[in-house]
Amino acid sequence: MSYDILIAGEETVDGWSICTRCLNVLRTPQKVKSRWGCDQYACDKHGNPHTALKGYLADHSALELESRLKEIMQVKGMKPAMRSIRVARLKCLIVLSQKVRGGAATAGPG
C-alpha cells in the first residue's frame, strides 16, 4: 500500500499526489498527462481531482481529518467496503498530517 511507504518514512510526501474524491495516494508522474488519474472509482473520468499530497496535508489538519473520519463513521447506507477503505485512508492521512506538521498525536479517532 502506498500509505505504508509514506508512513514508514521510506519516501517523503513530495512527489506524491492524492485523489480528493477517493483519497488514494499515488506517485506523481514526471509528466502529468491530461487524462491522468487513479483507476479507483474511475476518478479520472470526472475531471482531474488530484492535488499534491504535501499541499493537501498543509490545507487539512489532523483535527479536520479526524472530524471527517467521525462523519464517515456516521453516514448511513454506505457500503461496508467503501466505509472501510475511507476509514483506513483517513487514518493514514491523520498520521501523515501529524508527521508533516511535526505535531503530537491527537486523541484517537474513535
C-alpha atoms as a PDB file:
ATOM      1  CA  MET A   1       0.000   0.000   0.000  1.00  0.00           C
ATOM      2  CA  SER A   2       1.292   3.437  -0.889  1.00  0.00           C
ATOM      3  CA  TYR A   3       0.416   4.866   2.507  1.00  0.00           C
ATOM      4  CA  ASP A   4       2.705   2.311   4.163  1.00  0.00           C
ATOM      5  CA  ILE A   5       5.696   3.695   2.271  1.00  0.00           C
ATOM      6  CA  LEU A   6       4.903   7.239   3.368  1.00  0.00           C
ATOM      7  CA  ILE A   7       4.100   6.434   6.990  1.00  0.00           C
ATOM      8  CA  ALA A   8       7.257   4.338   7.345  1.00  0.00           C
ATOM      9  CA  GLY A   9       9.243   7.327   6.115  1.00  0.00           C
ATOM     10  CA  GLU A  10      10.717   5.420   3.177  1.00  0.00           C
ATOM     11  CA  GLU A  11       9.753   8.371   0.965  1.00  0.00           C
ATOM     12  CA  THR A  12       8.650  11.923   1.624  1.00  0.00           C
ATOM     13  CA  VAL A  13       5.253  13.272   0.614  1.00  0.00           C
ATOM     14  CA  ASP A  14       6.985  15.323  -2.087  1.00  0.00           C
ATOM     15  CA  GLY A  15       6.367  13.653  -5.415  1.00  0.00           C
ATOM     16  CA  TRP A  16       3.074  12.115  -4.307  1.00  0.00           C
ATOM     17  CA  SER A  17      -0.474  13.122  -5.201  1.00  0.00           C
ATOM     18  CA  ILE A  18      -3.850  12.401  -3.656  1.00  0.00           C
ATOM     19  CA  CYS A  19      -7.211  11.909  -5.300  1.00  0.00           C
ATOM     20  CA  THR A  20      -9.518  14.231  -3.402  1.00  0.00           C
ATOM     21  CA  ARG A  21     -12.506  12.003  -4.185  1.00  0.00           C
ATOM     22  CA  CYS A  22     -11.359   8.550  -3.086  1.00  0.00           C
ATOM     23  CA  LEU A  23      -8.289   9.611  -1.008  1.00  0.00           C
ATOM     24  CA  ASN A  24      -5.997   7.236  -2.892  1.00  0.00           C
ATOM     25  CA  VAL A  25      -2.363   8.341  -2.999  1.00  0.00           C
ATOM     26  CA  LEU A  26      -0.020   7.663  -5.881  1.00  0.00           C
ATOM     27  CA  ARG A  27       3.288   8.869  -7.159  1.00  0.00           C
ATOM     28  CA  THR A  28       3.000  11.947  -9.321  1.00  0.00           C
ATOM     29  CA  PRO A  29       4.297  11.099 -12.787  1.00  0.00           C
ATOM     30  CA  GLN A  30       7.166  13.167 -14.157  1.00  0.00           C
ATOM     31  CA  LYS A  31       4.898  14.431 -16.909  1.00  0.00           C
ATOM     32  CA  VAL A  32       1.243  14.683 -15.923  1.00  0.00           C
ATOM     33  CA  LYS A  33      -0.988  13.514 -18.744  1.00  0.00           C
ATOM     34  CA  SER A  34      -4.262  15.279 -19.391  1.00  0.00           C
ATOM     35  CA  ARG A  35      -6.195  12.074 -18.572  1.00  0.00           C
ATOM     36  CA  TRP A  36      -4.008  11.033 -15.629  1.00  0.00           C
ATOM     37  CA  GLY A  37      -5.841   9.800 -12.596  1.00  0.00           C
ATOM     38  CA  CYS A  38      -6.249   6.905 -10.246  1.00  0.00           C
ATOM     39  CA  ASP A  39      -8.053   3.858 -11.523  1.00  0.00           C
ATOM     40  CA  GLN A  40     -10.165   3.519  -8.415  1.00  0.00           C
ATOM     41  CA  TYR A  41     -13.783   4.603  -8.829  1.00  0.00           C
ATOM     42  CA  ALA A  42     -12.890   5.918 -12.320  1.00  0.00           C
ATOM     43  CA  CYS A  43     -11.977   9.285 -10.830  1.00  0.00           C
ATOM     44  CA  ASP A  44     -10.140  10.330 -13.972  1.00  0.00           C
ATOM     45  CA  LYS A  45     -13.468  10.340 -15.853  1.00  0.00           C
ATOM     46  CA  HIS A  46     -14.727  13.210 -13.695  1.00  0.00           C
ATOM     47  CA  GLY A  47     -12.007  15.744 -14.335  1.00  0.00           C
ATOM     48  CA  ASN A  48      -8.713  15.690 -12.509  1.00  0.00           C
ATOM     49  CA  PRO A  49      -9.382  15.554  -8.770  1.00  0.00           C
ATOM     50  CA  HIS A  50      -5.682  15.086  -7.980  1.00  0.00           C
ATOM     51  CA  THR A  51      -3.612  17.511  -5.996  1.00  0.00           C
ATOM     52  CA  ALA A  52      -0.158  17.440  -4.463  1.00  0.00           C
ATOM     53  CA  LEU A  53      -0.208  15.430  -1.233  1.00  0.00           C
ATOM     54  CA  LYS A  54       2.053  17.927   0.513  1.00  0.00           C
ATOM     55  CA  GLY A  55      -0.379  20.762  -0.252  1.00  0.00           C
ATOM     56  CA  TYR A  56      -3.369  18.658   0.763  1.00  0.00           C
ATOM     57  CA  LEU A  57      -1.792  17.906   4.135  1.00  0.00           C
ATOM     58  CA  ALA A  58      -0.931  21.578   4.590  1.00  0.00           C
ATOM     59  CA  ASP A  59      -4.565  22.512   3.961  1.00  0.00           C
ATOM     60  CA  HIS A  60      -6.109  19.766   6.134  1.00  0.00           C
ATOM     61  CA  SER A  61      -5.049  19.462   9.769  1.00  0.00           C
ATOM     62  CA  ALA A  62      -5.185  16.208  11.703  1.00  0.00           C
ATOM     63  CA  LEU A  63      -8.159  17.584  13.644  1.00  0.00           C
ATOM     64  CA  GLU A  64     -10.048  18.330  10.439  1.00  0.00           C
ATOM     65  CA  LEU A  65      -9.288  14.860   9.106  1.00  0.00           C
ATOM     66  CA  GLU A  66     -10.446  13.307  12.387  1.00  0.00           C
ATOM     67  CA  SER A  67     -13.686  15.247  12.055  1.00  0.00           C
ATOM     68  CA  ARG A  68     -14.151  13.838   8.548  1.00  0.00           C
ATOM     69  CA  LEU A  69     -13.446  10.378   9.911  1.00  0.00           C
ATOM     70  CA  LYS A  70     -16.194  10.760  12.511  1.00  0.00           C
ATOM     71  CA  GLU A  71     -18.600  11.941   9.805  1.00  0.00           C
ATOM     72  CA  ILE A  72     -17.815   8.919   7.619  1.00  0.00           C
ATOM     73  CA  MET A  73     -18.436   6.600  10.568  1.00  0.00           C
ATOM     74  CA  GLN A  74     -21.941   8.044  10.983  1.00  0.00           C
ATOM     75  CA  VAL A  75     -23.035   8.004   7.336  1.00  0.00           C
ATOM     76  CA  LYS A  76     -25.973   5.672   6.918  1.00  0.00           C
ATOM     77  CA  GLY A  77     -26.294   3.470   3.858  1.00  0.00           C
ATOM     78  CA  MET A  78     -22.607   3.480   2.925  1.00  0.00           C
ATOM     79  CA  LYS A  79     -21.354   0.130   1.683  1.00  0.00           C
ATOM     80  CA  PRO A  80     -19.121  -1.532   4.304  1.00  0.00           C
ATOM     81  CA  ALA A  81     -16.237  -1.975   1.853  1.00  0.00           C
ATOM     82  CA  MET A  82     -16.354   1.708   0.889  1.00  0.00           C
ATOM     83  CA  ARG A  83     -16.513   2.761   4.539  1.00  0.00           C
ATOM     84  CA  SER A  84     -13.571   0.513   5.380  1.00  0.00           C
ATOM     85  CA  ILE A  85     -11.416   1.984   2.609  1.00  0.00           C
ATOM     86  CA  ARG A  86     -12.292   5.575   3.539  1.00  0.00           C
ATOM     87  CA  VAL A  87     -11.668   4.973   7.238  1.00  0.00           C
ATOM     88  CA  ALA A  88      -8.293   3.333   6.576  1.00  0.00           C
ATOM     89  CA  ARG A  89      -7.192   6.137   4.258  1.00  0.00           C
ATOM     90  CA  LEU A  90      -8.345   8.871   6.623  1.00  0.00           C
ATOM     91  CA  LYS A  91      -6.443   7.247   9.495  1.00  0.00           C
ATOM     92  CA  CYS A  92      -3.312   7.166   7.336  1.00  0.00           C
ATOM     93  CA  LEU A  93      -3.817  10.807   6.364  1.00  0.00           C
ATOM     94  CA  ILE A  94      -4.139  11.750  10.041  1.00  0.00           C
ATOM     95  CA  VAL A  95      -0.786  10.095  10.792  1.00  0.00           C
ATOM     96  CA  LEU A  96       0.838  11.758   7.779  1.00  0.00           C
ATOM     97  CA  SER A  97      -0.600  15.140   8.716  1.00  0.00           C
ATOM     98  CA  GLN A  98       0.872  14.821  12.191  1.00  0.00           C
ATOM     99  CA  LYS A  99       4.250  13.762  10.783  1.00  0.00           C
ATOM    100  CA  VAL A 100       4.370  16.585   8.248  1.00  0.00           C
ATOM    101  CA  ARG A 101       3.339  19.206  10.788  1.00  0.00           C
ATOM    102  CA  GLY A 102       5.583  17.708  13.448  1.00  0.00           C
ATOM    103  CA  GLY A 103       2.695  17.773  15.894  1.00  0.00           C
ATOM    104  CA  ALA A 104       1.922  15.498  18.743  1.00  0.00           C
ATOM    105  CA  ALA A 105      -0.657  12.815  18.295  1.00  0.00           C
ATOM    106  CA  THR A 106      -4.209  13.908  18.890  1.00  0.00           C
ATOM    107  CA  ALA A 107      -6.926  11.953  20.593  1.00  0.00           C
ATOM    108  CA  GLY A 108      -7.862   8.704  18.843  1.00  0.00           C
ATOM    109  CA  PRO A 109     -10.469   8.907  16.078  1.00  0.00           C
ATOM    110  CA  GLY A 110     -12.989   6.657  17.548  1.00  0.00           C
END
